Amino acid sequence: DLADGHVKAINYMAKLESGVDVFNLG
């Protein structure tokens, strides 16, 4: 599940302009 969270983070990054975002994975 945690590994899937990293893939989703890479996918999500394509939508970001710049800056930092933070997510709990649990």
PDB file of all heavy atoms in Angstrom:
ATOM      1  N   ASP A   1       0.841  -1.200   0.000  1.00  0.00           N
ATOM      2  CA  ASP A   1       0.000   0.000   0.000  1.00  0.00           C
ATOM      3  C   ASP A   1       0.877   1.251   0.000  1.00  0.00           C
ATOM      4  O   ASP A   1       0.616   2.215  -0.721  1.00  0.00           O
ATOM      5  CB  ASP A   1      -0.923   0.021   1.228  1.00  0.00           C
ATOM      6  CG  ASP A   1      -2.163  -0.837   1.053  1.00  0.00           C
ATOM      7  OD1 ASP A   1      -2.586  -1.044  -0.095  1.00  0.00           O
ATOM      8  OD2 ASP A   1      -2.712  -1.295   2.073  1.00  0.00           O
ATOM      9  N   LEU A   2       1.916   1.213   0.826  1.00  0.00           N
ATOM     10  CA  LEU A   2       2.828   2.354   0.919  1.00  0.00           C
ATOM     11  C   LEU A   2       3.488   2.626  -0.436  1.00  0.00           C
ATOM     12  O   LEU A   2       3.588   3.783  -0.873  1.00  0.00           O
ATOM     13  CB  LEU A   2       3.893   2.057   1.973  1.00  0.00           C
ATOM     14  CG  LEU A   2       4.775   3.212   2.430  1.00  0.00           C
ATOM     15  CD1 LEU A   2       3.954   4.305   3.085  1.00  0.00           C
ATOM     16  CD2 LEU A   2       5.837   2.702   3.404  1.00  0.00           C
ATOM     17  N   ALA A   3       3.888   1.561  -1.107  1.00  0.00           N
ATOM     18  CA  ALA A   3       4.498   1.701  -2.441  1.00  0.00           C
ATOM     19  C   ALA A   3       3.515   2.353  -3.412  1.00  0.00           C
ATOM     20  O   ALA A   3       3.888   3.239  -4.193  1.00  0.00           O
ATOM     21  CB  ALA A   3       4.940   0.336  -2.956  1.00  0.00           C
ATOM     22  N   ASP A   4       2.256   1.934  -3.340  1.00  0.00           N
ATOM     23  CA  ASP A   4       1.236   2.551  -4.202  1.00  0.00           C
ATOM     24  C   ASP A   4       1.099   4.045  -3.911  1.00  0.00           C
ATOM     25  O   ASP A   4       0.863   4.848  -4.827  1.00  0.00           O
ATOM     26  CB  ASP A   4      -0.118   1.866  -3.991  1.00  0.00           C
ATOM     27  CG  ASP A   4      -0.133   0.436  -4.510  1.00  0.00           C
ATOM     28  OD1 ASP A   4       0.720   0.104  -5.354  1.00  0.00           O
ATOM     29  OD2 ASP A   4      -0.994  -0.348  -4.058  1.00  0.00           O
ATOM     30  N   GLY A   5       1.263   4.414  -2.640  1.00  0.00           N
ATOM     31  CA  GLY A   5       1.201   5.826  -2.260  1.00  0.00           C
ATOM     32  C   GLY A   5       2.277   6.652  -2.948  1.00  0.00           C
ATOM     33  O   GLY A   5       2.037   7.813  -3.321  1.00  0.00           O
ATOM     34  N   HIS A   6       3.446   6.072  -3.159  1.00  0.00           N
ATOM     35  CA  HIS A   6       4.528   6.783  -3.850  1.00  0.00           C
ATOM     36  C   HIS A   6       4.207   6.994  -5.329  1.00  0.00           C
ATOM     37  O   HIS A   6       4.502   8.037  -5.898  1.00  0.00           O
ATOM     38  CB  HIS A   6       5.846   6.020  -3.702  1.00  0.00           C
ATOM     39  CG  HIS A   6       6.402   6.072  -2.320  1.00  0.00           C
ATOM     40  ND1 HIS A   6       5.908   5.302  -1.302  1.00  0.00           N
ATOM     41  CD2 HIS A   6       7.390   6.828  -1.777  1.00  0.00           C
ATOM     42  CE1 HIS A   6       6.578   5.574  -0.188  1.00  0.00           C
ATOM     43  NE2 HIS A   6       7.476   6.501  -0.457  1.00  0.00           N
ATOM     44  N   VAL A   7       3.595   5.997  -5.942  1.00  0.00           N
ATOM     45  CA  VAL A   7       3.191   6.141  -7.336  1.00  0.00           C
ATOM     46  C   VAL A   7       2.158   7.253  -7.461  1.00  0.00           C
ATOM     47  O   VAL A   7       2.240   8.111  -8.359  1.00  0.00           O
ATOM     48  CB  VAL A   7       2.618   4.812  -7.879  1.00  0.00           C
ATOM     49  CG1 VAL A   7       2.079   5.010  -9.295  1.00  0.00           C
ATOM     50  CG2 VAL A   7       3.679   3.718  -7.858  1.00  0.00           C
ATOM     51  N   LYS A   8       1.212   7.283  -6.535  1.00  0.00           N
ATOM     52  CA  LYS A   8       0.184   8.318  -6.565  1.00  0.00           C
ATOM     53  C   LYS A   8       0.787   9.704  -6.325  1.00  0.00           C
ATOM     54  O   LYS A   8       0.323  10.702  -6.878  1.00  0.00           O
ATOM     55  CB  LYS A   8      -0.914   8.005  -5.555  1.00  0.00           C
ATOM     56  CG  LYS A   8      -1.822   6.859  -6.029  1.00  0.00           C
ATOM     57  CD  LYS A   8      -2.946   6.585  -5.065  1.00  0.00           C
ATOM     58  CE  LYS A   8      -4.082   5.793  -5.741  1.00  0.00           C
ATOM     59  NZ  LYS A   8      -3.653   4.607  -6.453  1.00  0.00           N
ATOM     60  N   ALA A   9       1.847   9.758  -5.512  1.00  0.00           N
ATOM     61  CA  ALA A   9       2.536  11.034  -5.274  1.00  0.00           C
ATOM     62  C   ALA A   9       3.227  11.523  -6.553  1.00  0.00           C
ATOM     63  O   ALA A   9       3.170  12.715  -6.885  1.00  0.00           O
ATOM     64  CB  ALA A   9       3.556  10.892  -4.147  1.00  0.00           C
ATOM     65  N   ILE A  10       3.859  10.613  -7.294  1.00  0.00           N
ATOM     66  CA  ILE A  10       4.492  10.985  -8.564  1.00  0.00           C
ATOM     67  C   ILE A  10       3.427  11.451  -9.564  1.00  0.00           C
ATOM     68  O   ILE A  10       3.598  12.453 -10.268  1.00  0.00           O
ATOM     69  CB  ILE A  10       5.297   9.792  -9.140  1.00  0.00           C
ATOM     70  CG1 ILE A  10       6.501   9.468  -8.246  1.00  0.00           C
ATOM     71  CG2 ILE A  10       5.753  10.086 -10.566  1.00  0.00           C
ATOM     72  CD1 ILE A  10       7.681  10.395  -8.364  1.00  0.00           C
ATOM     73  N   ASN A  11       2.320  10.728  -9.616  1.00  0.00           N
ATOM     74  CA  ASN A  11       1.222  11.125 -10.503  1.00  0.00           C
ATOM     75  C   ASN A  11       0.713  12.528 -10.147  1.00  0.00           C
ATOM     76  O   ASN A  11       0.479  13.367 -11.023  1.00  0.00           O
ATOM     77  CB  ASN A  11       0.046  10.145 -10.395  1.00  0.00           C
ATOM     78  CG  ASN A  11       0.374   8.754 -10.911  1.00  0.00           C
ATOM     79  OD1 ASN A  11       1.353   8.569 -11.622  1.00  0.00           O
ATOM     80  ND2 ASN A  11      -0.443   7.781 -10.541  1.00  0.00           N
ATOM     81  N   TYR A  12       0.529  12.760  -8.862  1.00  0.00           N
ATOM     82  CA  TYR A  12      -0.021  14.028  -8.371  1.00  0.00           C
ATOM     83  C   TYR A  12       0.913  15.200  -8.664  1.00  0.00           C
ATOM     84  O   TYR A  12       0.472  16.319  -8.943  1.00  0.00           O
ATOM     85  CB  TYR A  12      -0.279  13.913  -6.871  1.00  0.00           C
ATOM     86  CG  TYR A  12      -0.774  15.169  -6.195  1.00  0.00           C
ATOM     87  CD1 TYR A  12      -2.076  15.623  -6.389  1.00  0.00           C
ATOM     88  CD2 TYR A  12       0.059  15.885  -5.325  1.00  0.00           C
ATOM     89  CE1 TYR A  12      -2.540  16.767  -5.748  1.00  0.00           C
ATOM     90  CE2 TYR A  12      -0.396  17.025  -4.689  1.00  0.00           C
ATOM     91  CZ  TYR A  12      -1.696  17.463  -4.893  1.00  0.00           C
ATOM     92  OH  TYR A  12      -2.150  18.602  -4.263  1.00  0.00           O
ATOM     93  N   MET A  13       2.206  14.935  -8.641  1.00  0.00           N
ATOM     94  CA  MET A  13       3.189  15.999  -8.822  1.00  0.00           C
ATOM     95  C   MET A  13       3.050  16.667 -10.191  1.00  0.00           C
ATOM     96  O   MET A  13       3.361  17.845 -10.348  1.00  0.00           O
ATOM     97  CB  MET A  13       4.611  15.447  -8.638  1.00  0.00           C
ATOM     98  CG  MET A  13       5.639  16.492  -8.356  1.00  0.00           C
ATOM     99  SD  MET A  13       6.851  15.981  -7.120  1.00  0.00           S
ATOM    100  CE  MET A  13       7.307  14.387  -7.672  1.00  0.00           C
ATOM    101  N   ALA A  14       2.549  15.924 -11.162  1.00  0.00           N
ATOM    102  CA  ALA A  14       2.364  16.485 -12.502  1.00  0.00           C
ATOM    103  C   ALA A  14       1.346  17.634 -12.487  1.00  0.00           C
ATOM    104  O   ALA A  14       1.374  18.505 -13.355  1.00  0.00           O
ATOM    105  CB  ALA A  14       1.901  15.394 -13.463  1.00  0.00           C
ATOM    106  N   LYS A  15       0.475  17.654 -11.481  1.00  0.00           N
ATOM    107  CA  LYS A  15      -0.552  18.699 -11.380  1.00  0.00           C
ATOM    108  C   LYS A  15      -0.046  19.947 -10.650  1.00  0.00           C
ATOM    109  O   LYS A  15      -0.703  20.980 -10.659  1.00  0.00           O
ATOM    110  CB  LYS A  15      -1.781  18.173 -10.633  1.00  0.00           C
ATOM    111  CG  LYS A  15      -2.397  16.926 -11.223  1.00  0.00           C
ATOM    112  CD  LYS A  15      -3.501  16.407 -10.297  1.00  0.00           C
ATOM    113  CE  LYS A  15      -4.003  15.036 -10.747  1.00  0.00           C
ATOM    114  NZ  LYS A  15      -4.959  14.475  -9.775  1.00  0.00           N
ATOM    115  N   LEU A  16       1.108  19.818  -9.968  1.00  0.00           N
ATOM    116  CA  LEU A  16       1.610  20.927  -9.165  1.00  0.00           C
ATOM    117  C   LEU A  16       2.414  21.898 -10.023  1.00  0.00           C
ATOM    118  O   LEU A  16       3.120  21.484 -10.945  1.00  0.00           O
ATOM    119  CB  LEU A  16       2.510  20.404  -8.040  1.00  0.00           C
ATOM    120  CG  LEU A  16       1.857  19.542  -6.954  1.00  0.00           C
ATOM    121  CD1 LEU A  16       2.917  19.098  -5.955  1.00  0.00           C
ATOM    122  CD2 LEU A  16       0.751  20.299  -6.240  1.00  0.00           C
ATOM    123  N   GLU A  17       2.328  23.159  -9.684  1.00  0.00           N
ATOM    124  CA  GLU A  17       3.169  24.173 -10.331  1.00  0.00           C
ATOM    125  C   GLU A  17       4.556  24.171  -9.702  1.00  0.00           C
ATOM    126  O   GLU A  17       5.571  24.101 -10.381  1.00  0.00           O
ATOM    127  CB  GLU A  17       2.517  25.555 -10.195  1.00  0.00           C
ATOM    128  CG  GLU A  17       1.236  25.724 -10.997  1.00  0.00           C
ATOM    129  CD  GLU A  17       1.450  25.613 -12.501  1.00  0.00           C
ATOM    130  OE1 GLU A  17       2.460  26.133 -12.985  1.00  0.00           O
ATOM    131  OE2 GLU A  17       0.618  24.978 -13.172  1.00  0.00           O
ATOM    132  N   SER A  18       4.577  24.288  -8.387  1.00  0.00           N
ATOM    133  CA  SER A  18       5.836  24.293  -7.634  1.00  0.00           C
ATOM    134  C   SER A  18       5.483  24.223  -6.147  1.00  0.00           C
ATOM    135  O   SER A  18       4.310  24.184  -5.776  1.00  0.00           O
ATOM    136  CB  SER A  18       6.648  25.562  -7.917  1.00  0.00           C
ATOM    137  OG  SER A  18       5.924  26.704  -7.497  1.00  0.00           O
ATOM    138  N   GLY A  19       6.517  24.218  -5.308  1.00  0.00           N
ATOM    139  CA  GLY A  19       6.287  24.247  -3.863  1.00  0.00           C
ATOM    140  C   GLY A  19       6.303  22.869  -3.230  1.00  0.00           C
ATOM    141  O   GLY A  19       6.630  21.868  -3.862  1.00  0.00           O
ATOM    142  N   VAL A  20       5.936  22.851  -1.942  1.00  0.00           N
ATOM    143  CA  VAL A  20       5.982  21.635  -1.135  1.00  0.00           C
ATOM    144  C   VAL A  20       4.575  21.237  -0.736  1.00  0.00           C
ATOM    145  O   VAL A  20       3.770  22.087  -0.362  1.00  0.00           O
ATOM    146  CB  VAL A  20       6.817  21.862   0.148  1.00  0.00           C
ATOM    147  CG1 VAL A  20       6.766  20.644   1.066  1.00  0.00           C
ATOM    148  CG2 VAL A  20       8.263  22.182  -0.195  1.00  0.00           C
ATOM    149  N   ASP A  21       4.300  19.942  -0.795  1.00  0.00           N
ATOM    150  CA  ASP A  21       3.071  19.419  -0.207  1.00  0.00           C
ATOM    151  C   ASP A  21       3.447  18.218   0.644  1.00  0.00           C
ATOM    152  O   ASP A  21       4.488  17.588   0.425  1.00  0.00           O
ATOM    153  CB  ASP A  21       2.057  19.033  -1.280  1.00  0.00           C
ATOM    154  CG  ASP A  21       0.608  19.254  -0.818  1.00  0.00           C
ATOM    155  OD1 ASP A  21       0.387  19.327   0.421  1.00  0.00           O
ATOM    156  OD2 ASP A  21      -0.280  19.361  -1.673  1.00  0.00           O
ATOM    157  N   VAL A  22       2.597  17.912   1.619  1.00  0.00           N
ATOM    158  CA  VAL A  22       2.920  16.852   2.575  1.00  0.00           C
ATOM    159  C   VAL A  22       1.706  15.966   2.788  1.00  0.00           C
ATOM    160  O   VAL A  22       0.570  16.451   2.835  1.00  0.00           O
ATOM    161  CB  VAL A  22       3.428  17.451   3.915  1.00  0.00           C
ATOM    162  CG1 VAL A  22       2.422  18.416   4.519  1.00  0.00           C
ATOM    163  CG2 VAL A  22       3.766  16.350   4.915  1.00  0.00           C
ATOM    164  N   PHE A  23       1.973  14.649   2.904  1.00  0.00           N
ATOM    165  CA  PHE A  23       0.890  13.681   3.095  1.00  0.00           C
ATOM    166  C   PHE A  23       1.303  12.623   4.114  1.00  0.00           C
ATOM    167  O   PHE A  23       2.429  12.116   4.066  1.00  0.00           O
ATOM    168  CB  PHE A  23       0.549  12.980   1.780  1.00  0.00           C
ATOM    169  CG  PHE A  23       0.026  13.897   0.723  1.00  0.00           C
ATOM    170  CD1 PHE A  23       0.889  14.450  -0.220  1.00  0.00           C
ATOM    171  CD2 PHE A  23      -1.316  14.233   0.657  1.00  0.00           C
ATOM    172  CE1 PHE A  23       0.424  15.302  -1.201  1.00  0.00           C
ATOM    173  CE2 PHE A  23      -1.793  15.096  -0.322  1.00  0.00           C
ATOM    174  CZ  PHE A  23      -0.929  15.635  -1.249  1.00  0.00           C
ATOM    175  N   ASN A  24       0.366  12.284   4.995  1.00  0.00           N
ATOM    176  CA  ASN A  24       0.527  11.110   5.837  1.00  0.00           C
ATOM    177  C   ASN A  24       0.183   9.873   5.020  1.00  0.00           C
ATOM    178  O   ASN A  24      -0.797   9.875   4.268  1.00  0.00           O
ATOM    179  CB  ASN A  24      -0.446  11.150   7.019  1.00  0.00           C
ATOM    180  CG  ASN A  24      -0.077  12.183   8.061  1.00  0.00           C
ATOM    181  OD1 ASN A  24       1.092  12.545   8.203  1.00  0.00           O
ATOM    182  ND2 ASN A  24      -1.070  12.659   8.795  1.00  0.00           N
ATOM    183  N   LEU A  25       0.963   8.813   5.190  1.00  0.00           N
ATOM    184  CA  LEU A  25       0.611   7.521   4.612  1.00  0.00           C
ATOM    185  C   LEU A  25       0.463   6.507   5.740  1.00  0.00           C
ATOM    186  O   LEU A  25       1.441   6.097   6.361  1.00  0.00           O
ATOM    187  CB  LEU A  25       1.670   7.057   3.608  1.00  0.00           C
ATOM    188  CG  LEU A  25       1.798   7.871   2.320  1.00  0.00           C
ATOM    189  CD1 LEU A  25       2.804   7.233   1.380  1.00  0.00           C
ATOM    190  CD2 LEU A  25       0.456   8.035   1.600  1.00  0.00           C
ATOM    191  N   GLY A  26      -0.775   6.171   6.021  1.00  0.00           N
ATOM    192  CA  GLY A  26      -1.115   5.192   7.043  1.00  0.00           C
ATOM    193  C   GLY A  26      -2.473   4.616   6.718  1.00  0.00           C
ATOM    194  O   GLY A  26      -3.003   4.826   5.628  1.00  0.00           O
TER     195      GLY A  26
END
